[in-house]
Amino acid sequence: MKMKNIEQFVFITTIDIHKEFQEDWEILTDFDGNPFTSIDEAKEFVRLTIGKFKKVGLANFNQMKMSNAQWNNL
């Protein structure tokens, strides 16, 4: 993955129903390792690849720093 400004990327975390969101966030990438920079594109990717099988939250950099998902698939 070619690094750019980390503040541009979309981050993903798993959700534990007992603790809400995990504190471990990582940059969401497509199958080729390209990071997402759009929440809307990231949501579509998650819907198509993860679906409801794994509970996740997505956030931009600022929201991720506050452990606040902007979108989840609950």
PDB file of N, CA and C in Angstrom:
ATOM      1  N   MET A   1       0.838  -1.168   0.000  1.00  0.00           N
ATOM      2  CA  MET A   1       0.000   0.000   0.000  1.00  0.00           C
ATOM      3  C   MET A   1       0.887   1.236   0.000  1.00  0.00           C
ATOM      4  N   LYS A   2       0.686   2.103  -0.949  1.00  0.00           N
ATOM      5  CA  LYS A   2       1.430   3.362  -1.003  1.00  0.00           C
ATOM      6  C   LYS A   2       0.811   4.326   0.006  1.00  0.00           C
ATOM      7  N   MET A   3       1.610   4.784   0.944  1.00  0.00           N
ATOM      8  CA  MET A   3       1.083   5.646   2.003  1.00  0.00           C
ATOM      9  C   MET A   3       0.871   7.070   1.522  1.00  0.00           C
ATOM     10  N   LYS A   4      -0.244   7.602   1.910  1.00  0.00           N
ATOM     11  CA  LYS A   4      -0.581   8.999   1.691  1.00  0.00           C
ATOM     12  C   LYS A   4      -0.787   9.588   3.071  1.00  0.00           C
ATOM     13  N   ASN A   5      -1.517  10.644   3.144  1.00  0.00           N
ATOM     14  CA  ASN A   5      -1.856  11.234   4.424  1.00  0.00           C
ATOM     15  C   ASN A   5      -2.866  10.323   5.120  1.00  0.00           C
ATOM     16  N   ILE A   6      -2.512   9.789   6.260  1.00  0.00           N
ATOM     17  CA  ILE A   6      -3.357   8.834   6.975  1.00  0.00           C
ATOM     18  C   ILE A   6      -4.723   9.430   7.318  1.00  0.00           C
ATOM     19  N   GLU A   7      -4.817  10.734   7.415  1.00  0.00           N
ATOM     20  CA  GLU A   7      -6.078  11.388   7.761  1.00  0.00           C
ATOM     21  C   GLU A   7      -7.108  11.292   6.638  1.00  0.00           C
ATOM     22  N   GLN A   8      -6.708  10.856   5.450  1.00  0.00           N
ATOM     23  CA  GLN A   8      -7.628  10.716   4.319  1.00  0.00           C
ATOM     24  C   GLN A   8      -8.371   9.392   4.333  1.00  0.00           C
ATOM     25  N   PHE A   9      -7.884   8.412   5.072  1.00  0.00           N
ATOM     26  CA  PHE A   9      -8.365   7.046   4.947  1.00  0.00           C
ATOM     27  C   PHE A   9      -9.594   6.757   5.797  1.00  0.00           C
ATOM     28  N   VAL A  10     -10.297   5.694   5.409  1.00  0.00           N
ATOM     29  CA  VAL A  10     -11.418   5.161   6.177  1.00  0.00           C
ATOM     30  C   VAL A  10     -10.874   4.018   7.035  1.00  0.00           C
ATOM     31  N   PHE A  11     -11.304   3.984   8.283  1.00  0.00           N
ATOM     32  CA  PHE A  11     -10.846   2.979   9.231  1.00  0.00           C
ATOM     33  C   PHE A  11     -11.985   2.031   9.580  1.00  0.00           C
ATOM     34  N   ILE A  12     -11.618   0.806   9.927  1.00  0.00           N
ATOM     35  CA  ILE A  12     -12.597  -0.222  10.259  1.00  0.00           C
ATOM     36  C   ILE A  12     -12.264  -0.827  11.613  1.00  0.00           C
ATOM     37  N   THR A  13     -13.300  -1.187  12.359  1.00  0.00           N
ATOM     38  CA  THR A  13     -13.153  -1.894  13.627  1.00  0.00           C
ATOM     39  C   THR A  13     -14.226  -2.960  13.706  1.00  0.00           C
ATOM     40  N   THR A  14     -13.984  -3.984  14.503  1.00  0.00           N
ATOM     41  CA  THR A  14     -15.022  -4.977  14.739  1.00  0.00           C
ATOM     42  C   THR A  14     -15.869  -4.534  15.923  1.00  0.00           C
ATOM     43  N   ILE A  15     -17.049  -5.100  16.014  1.00  0.00           N
ATOM     44  CA  ILE A  15     -17.974  -4.733  17.077  1.00  0.00           C
ATOM     45  C   ILE A  15     -18.187  -5.934  17.989  1.00  0.00           C
ATOM     46  N   ASP A  16     -18.026  -5.713  19.266  1.00  0.00           N
ATOM     47  CA  ASP A  16     -18.315  -6.712  20.282  1.00  0.00           C
ATOM     48  C   ASP A  16     -19.617  -6.281  20.941  1.00  0.00           C
ATOM     49  N   ILE A  17     -20.652  -7.101  20.856  1.00  0.00           N
ATOM     50  CA  ILE A  17     -21.956  -6.679  21.366  1.00  0.00           C
ATOM     51  C   ILE A  17     -21.944  -6.406  22.864  1.00  0.00           C
ATOM     52  N   HIS A  18     -20.938  -6.909  23.571  1.00  0.00           N
ATOM     53  CA  HIS A  18     -20.864  -6.679  25.004  1.00  0.00           C
ATOM     54  C   HIS A  18     -20.136  -5.383  25.353  1.00  0.00           C
ATOM     55  N   LYS A  19     -19.276  -4.882  24.429  1.00  0.00           N
ATOM     56  CA  LYS A  19     -18.488  -3.686  24.720  1.00  0.00           C
ATOM     57  C   LYS A  19     -18.673  -2.605  23.660  1.00  0.00           C
ATOM     58  N   GLU A  20     -19.649  -2.757  22.779  1.00  0.00           N
ATOM     59  CA  GLU A  20     -19.820  -1.882  21.631  1.00  0.00           C
ATOM     60  C   GLU A  20     -18.630  -2.040  20.693  1.00  0.00           C
ATOM     61  N   PHE A  21     -17.940  -0.950  20.372  1.00  0.00           N
ATOM     62  CA  PHE A  21     -16.854  -1.028  19.398  1.00  0.00           C
ATOM     63  C   PHE A  21     -15.543  -1.388  20.066  1.00  0.00           C
ATOM     64  N   GLN A  22     -14.740  -2.134  19.337  1.00  0.00           N
ATOM     65  CA  GLN A  22     -13.393  -2.428  19.802  1.00  0.00           C
ATOM     66  C   GLN A  22     -12.570  -1.149  19.724  1.00  0.00           C
ATOM     67  N   GLU A  23     -11.468  -1.135  20.395  1.00  0.00           N
ATOM     68  CA  GLU A  23     -10.584   0.024  20.333  1.00  0.00           C
ATOM     69  C   GLU A  23      -9.528  -0.132  19.256  1.00  0.00           C
ATOM     70  N   ASP A  24      -9.454  -1.293  18.638  1.00  0.00           N
ATOM     71  CA  ASP A  24      -8.474  -1.541  17.580  1.00  0.00           C
ATOM     72  C   ASP A  24      -9.076  -1.174  16.230  1.00  0.00           C
ATOM     73  N   TRP A  25      -8.504  -0.184  15.609  1.00  0.00           N
ATOM     74  CA  TRP A  25      -8.949   0.259  14.295  1.00  0.00           C
ATOM     75  C   TRP A  25      -7.819   0.017  13.305  1.00  0.00           C
ATOM     76  N   GLU A  26      -8.170  -0.251  12.059  1.00  0.00           N
ATOM     77  CA  GLU A  26      -7.166  -0.379  11.012  1.00  0.00           C
ATOM     78  C   GLU A  26      -7.705   0.268   9.740  1.00  0.00           C
ATOM     79  N   ILE A  27      -6.816   0.563   8.842  1.00  0.00           N
ATOM     80  CA  ILE A  27      -7.201   1.168   7.569  1.00  0.00           C
ATOM     81  C   ILE A  27      -7.903   0.106   6.724  1.00  0.00           C
ATOM     82  N   LEU A  28      -9.066   0.442   6.196  1.00  0.00           N
ATOM     83  CA  LEU A  28      -9.813  -0.468   5.329  1.00  0.00           C
ATOM     84  C   LEU A  28      -9.249  -0.392   3.922  1.00  0.00           C
ATOM     85  N   THR A  29      -8.873  -1.554   3.383  1.00  0.00           N
ATOM     86  CA  THR A  29      -8.336  -1.611   2.026  1.00  0.00           C
ATOM     87  C   THR A  29      -9.166  -2.565   1.177  1.00  0.00           C
ATOM     88  N   ASP A  30      -9.097  -2.369  -0.133  1.00  0.00           N
ATOM     89  CA  ASP A  30      -9.757  -3.300  -1.044  1.00  0.00           C
ATOM     90  C   ASP A  30      -8.877  -4.536  -1.210  1.00  0.00           C
ATOM     91  N   PHE A  31      -9.276  -5.442  -2.098  1.00  0.00           N
ATOM     92  CA  PHE A  31      -8.526  -6.690  -2.267  1.00  0.00           C
ATOM     93  C   PHE A  31      -7.122  -6.482  -2.818  1.00  0.00           C
ATOM     94  N   ASP A  32      -6.885  -5.331  -3.463  1.00  0.00           N
ATOM     95  CA  ASP A  32      -5.559  -5.025  -4.007  1.00  0.00           C
ATOM     96  C   ASP A  32      -4.697  -4.229  -3.035  1.00  0.00           C
ATOM     97  N   GLY A  33      -5.205  -3.973  -1.835  1.00  0.00           N
ATOM     98  CA  GLY A  33      -4.447  -3.234  -0.839  1.00  0.00           C
ATOM     99  C   GLY A  33      -4.576  -1.732  -0.934  1.00  0.00           C
ATOM    100  N   ASN A  34      -5.509  -1.244  -1.742  1.00  0.00           N
ATOM    101  CA  ASN A  34      -5.725   0.202  -1.883  1.00  0.00           C
ATOM    102  C   ASN A  34      -6.666   0.685  -0.783  1.00  0.00           C
ATOM    103  N   PRO A  35      -6.256   1.698  -0.026  1.00  0.00           N
ATOM    104  CA  PRO A  35      -7.102   2.188   1.064  1.00  0.00           C
ATOM    105  C   PRO A  35      -8.303   2.976   0.536  1.00  0.00           C
ATOM    106  N   PHE A  36      -9.401   2.858   1.262  1.00  0.00           N
ATOM    107  CA  PHE A  36     -10.591   3.647   0.935  1.00  0.00           C
ATOM    108  C   PHE A  36     -10.440   5.046   1.514  1.00  0.00           C
ATOM    109  N   THR A  37     -10.922   6.037   0.766  1.00  0.00           N
ATOM    110  CA  THR A  37     -10.915   7.417   1.239  1.00  0.00           C
ATOM    111  C   THR A  37     -12.336   7.970   1.311  1.00  0.00           C
ATOM    112  N   SER A  38     -13.308   7.180   0.906  1.00  0.00           N
ATOM    113  CA  SER A  38     -14.708   7.592   0.904  1.00  0.00           C
ATOM    114  C   SER A  38     -15.513   6.629   1.768  1.00  0.00           C
ATOM    115  N   ILE A  39     -16.252   7.175   2.736  1.00  0.00           N
ATOM    116  CA  ILE A  39     -17.115   6.341   3.574  1.00  0.00           C
ATOM    117  C   ILE A  39     -18.158   5.638   2.707  1.00  0.00           C
ATOM    118  N   ASP A  40     -18.721   6.329   1.720  1.00  0.00           N
ATOM    119  CA  ASP A  40     -19.745   5.708   0.876  1.00  0.00           C
ATOM    120  C   ASP A  40     -19.195   4.509   0.113  1.00  0.00           C
ATOM    121  N   GLU A  41     -18.007   4.634  -0.457  1.00  0.00           N
ATOM    122  CA  GLU A  41     -17.390   3.513  -1.163  1.00  0.00           C
ATOM    123  C   GLU A  41     -17.032   2.388  -0.192  1.00  0.00           C
ATOM    124  N   ALA A  42     -16.576   2.753   0.995  1.00  0.00           N
ATOM    125  CA  ALA A  42     -16.237   1.754   2.002  1.00  0.00           C
ATOM    126  C   ALA A  42     -17.481   0.985   2.442  1.00  0.00           C
ATOM    127  N   LYS A  43     -18.612   1.679   2.610  1.00  0.00           N
ATOM    128  CA  LYS A  43     -19.858   1.017   2.988  1.00  0.00           C
ATOM    129  C   LYS A  43     -20.263  -0.011   1.943  1.00  0.00           C
ATOM    130  N   GLU A  44     -20.175   0.358   0.672  1.00  0.00           N
ATOM    131  CA  GLU A  44     -20.538  -0.571  -0.394  1.00  0.00           C
ATOM    132  C   GLU A  44     -19.629  -1.800  -0.384  1.00  0.00           C
ATOM    133  N   PHE A  45     -18.345  -1.575  -0.179  1.00  0.00           N
ATOM    134  CA  PHE A  45     -17.384  -2.686  -0.112  1.00  0.00           C
ATOM    135  C   PHE A  45     -17.735  -3.626   1.039  1.00  0.00           C
ATOM    136  N   VAL A  46     -18.017  -3.066   2.200  1.00  0.00           N
ATOM    137  CA  VAL A  46     -18.364  -3.875   3.369  1.00  0.00           C
ATOM    138  C   VAL A  46     -19.657  -4.629   3.111  1.00  0.00           C
ATOM    139  N   ARG A  47     -20.636  -3.966   2.549  1.00  0.00           N
ATOM    140  CA  ARG A  47     -21.919  -4.633   2.270  1.00  0.00           C
ATOM    141  C   ARG A  47     -21.735  -5.810   1.318  1.00  0.00           C
ATOM    142  N   LEU A  48     -20.879  -5.649   0.316  1.00  0.00           N
ATOM    143  CA  LEU A  48     -20.677  -6.703  -0.671  1.00  0.00           C
ATOM    144  C   LEU A  48     -19.762  -7.820  -0.188  1.00  0.00           C
ATOM    145  N   THR A  49     -18.796  -7.507   0.651  1.00  0.00           N
ATOM    146  CA  THR A  49     -17.805  -8.512   1.029  1.00  0.00           C
ATOM    147  C   THR A  49     -17.995  -9.076   2.434  1.00  0.00           C
ATOM    148  N   ILE A  50     -18.450  -8.276   3.352  1.00  0.00           N
ATOM    149  CA  ILE A  50     -18.600  -8.724   4.733  1.00  0.00           C
ATOM    150  C   ILE A  50     -20.057  -8.990   5.056  1.00  0.00           C
ATOM    151  N   GLY A  51     -20.925  -8.142   4.537  1.00  0.00           N
ATOM    152  CA  GLY A  51     -22.353  -8.311   4.782  1.00  0.00           C
ATOM    153  C   GLY A  51     -22.674  -8.283   6.257  1.00  0.00           C
ATOM    154  N   LYS A  52     -23.512  -9.190   6.674  1.00  0.00           N
ATOM    155  CA  LYS A  52     -23.916  -9.257   8.079  1.00  0.00           C
ATOM    156  C   LYS A  52     -23.179 -10.349   8.837  1.00  0.00           C
ATOM    157  N   PHE A  53     -22.173 -10.951   8.202  1.00  0.00           N
ATOM    158  CA  PHE A  53     -21.462 -12.047   8.837  1.00  0.00           C
ATOM    159  C   PHE A  53     -20.526 -11.567   9.941  1.00  0.00           C
ATOM    160  N   LYS A  54     -20.015 -10.387   9.813  1.00  0.00           N
ATOM    161  CA  LYS A  54     -19.111  -9.827  10.808  1.00  0.00           C
ATOM    162  C   LYS A  54     -19.588  -8.411  11.094  1.00  0.00           C
ATOM    163  N   LYS A  55     -19.697  -8.073  12.338  1.00  0.00           N
ATOM    164  CA  LYS A  55     -20.170  -6.741  12.726  1.00  0.00           C
ATOM    165  C   LYS A  55     -18.984  -5.785  12.743  1.00  0.00           C
ATOM    166  N   VAL A  56     -19.090  -4.712  11.974  1.00  0.00           N
ATOM    167  CA  VAL A  56     -17.994  -3.754  11.861  1.00  0.00           C
ATOM    168  C   VAL A  56     -18.502  -2.326  11.966  1.00  0.00           C
ATOM    169  N   GLY A  57     -17.583  -1.423  12.257  1.00  0.00           N
ATOM    170  CA  GLY A  57     -17.840   0.008  12.233  1.00  0.00           C
ATOM    171  C   GLY A  57     -16.822   0.675  11.329  1.00  0.00           C
ATOM    172  N   LEU A  58     -17.235   1.742  10.659  1.00  0.00           N
ATOM    173  CA  LEU A  58     -16.359   2.511   9.778  1.00  0.00           C
ATOM    174  C   LEU A  58     -16.309   3.955  10.257  1.00  0.00           C
ATOM    175  N   ALA A  59     -15.149   4.586  10.080  1.00  0.00           N
ATOM    176  CA  ALA A  59     -15.004   5.980  10.494  1.00  0.00           C
ATOM    177  C   ALA A  59     -13.867   6.647   9.736  1.00  0.00           C
ATOM    178  N   ASN A  60     -13.959   7.967   9.621  1.00  0.00           N
ATOM    179  CA  ASN A  60     -12.817   8.706   9.105  1.00  0.00           C
ATOM    180  C   ASN A  60     -11.816   8.873  10.255  1.00  0.00           C
ATOM    181  N   PHE A  61     -10.689   9.480   9.975  1.00  0.00           N
ATOM    182  CA  PHE A  61      -9.600   9.574  10.946  1.00  0.00           C
ATOM    183  C   PHE A  61     -10.031  10.265  12.251  1.00  0.00           C
ATOM    184  N   ASN A  62     -10.679  11.415  12.141  1.00  0.00           N
ATOM    185  CA  ASN A  62     -11.049  12.170  13.342  1.00  0.00           C
ATOM    186  C   ASN A  62     -12.044  11.413  14.216  1.00  0.00           C
ATOM    187  N   GLN A  63     -13.013  10.765  13.598  1.00  0.00           N
ATOM    188  CA  GLN A  63     -13.988   9.991  14.367  1.00  0.00           C
ATOM    189  C   GLN A  63     -13.353   8.743  14.967  1.00  0.00           C
ATOM    190  N   MET A  64     -12.443   8.128  14.223  1.00  0.00           N
ATOM    191  CA  MET A  64     -11.742   6.949  14.718  1.00  0.00           C
ATOM    192  C   MET A  64     -10.941   7.288  15.969  1.00  0.00           C
ATOM    193  N   LYS A  65     -10.308   8.452  16.002  1.00  0.00           N
ATOM    194  CA  LYS A  65      -9.524   8.848  17.175  1.00  0.00           C
ATOM    195  C   LYS A  65     -10.403   8.937  18.421  1.00  0.00           C
ATOM    196  N   MET A  66     -11.690   9.212  18.225  1.00  0.00           N
ATOM    197  CA  MET A  66     -12.625   9.303  19.346  1.00  0.00           C
ATOM    198  C   MET A  66     -13.364   7.975  19.586  1.00  0.00           C
ATOM    199  N   SER A  67     -12.948   6.915  18.841  1.00  0.00           N
ATOM    200  CA  SER A  67     -13.605   5.601  18.924  1.00  0.00           C
ATOM    201  C   SER A  67     -15.084   5.709  18.595  1.00  0.00           C
ATOM    202  N   ASN A  68     -15.389   6.504  17.581  1.00  0.00           N
ATOM    203  CA  ASN A  68     -16.765   6.762  17.190  1.00  0.00           C
ATOM    204  C   ASN A  68     -16.982   6.333  15.740  1.00  0.00           C
ATOM    205  N   ALA A  69     -17.721   5.260  15.537  1.00  0.00           N
ATOM    206  CA  ALA A  69     -18.007   4.813  14.174  1.00  0.00           C
ATOM    207  C   ALA A  69     -19.052   5.733  13.552  1.00  0.00           C
ATOM    208  N   GLN A  70     -18.824   6.088  12.303  1.00  0.00           N
ATOM    209  CA  GLN A  70     -19.793   6.899  11.576  1.00  0.00           C
ATOM    210  C   GLN A  70     -20.849   6.027  10.928  1.00  0.00           C
ATOM    211  N   TRP A  71     -20.509   4.758  10.717  1.00  0.00           N
ATOM    212  CA  TRP A  71     -21.441   3.800  10.098  1.00  0.00           C
ATOM    213  C   TRP A  71     -21.143   2.421  10.652  1.00  0.00           C
ATOM    214  N   ASN A  72     -22.178   1.621  10.855  1.00  0.00           N
ATOM    215  CA  ASN A  72     -21.976   0.227  11.227  1.00  0.00           C
ATOM    216  C   ASN A  72     -23.019  -0.630  10.533  1.00  0.00           C
ATOM    217  N   ASN A  73     -22.786  -1.914  10.487  1.00  0.00           N
ATOM    218  CA  ASN A  73     -23.706  -2.818   9.820  1.00  0.00           C
ATOM    219  C   ASN A  73     -24.517  -3.658  10.795  1.00  0.00           C
ATOM    220  N   LEU A  74     -24.813  -3.099  11.947  1.00  0.00           N
ATOM    221  CA  LEU A  74     -25.637  -3.822  12.932  1.00  0.00           C
ATOM    222  C   LEU A  74     -27.066  -3.934  12.444  1.00  0.00           C
TER     223      LEU A  74
END
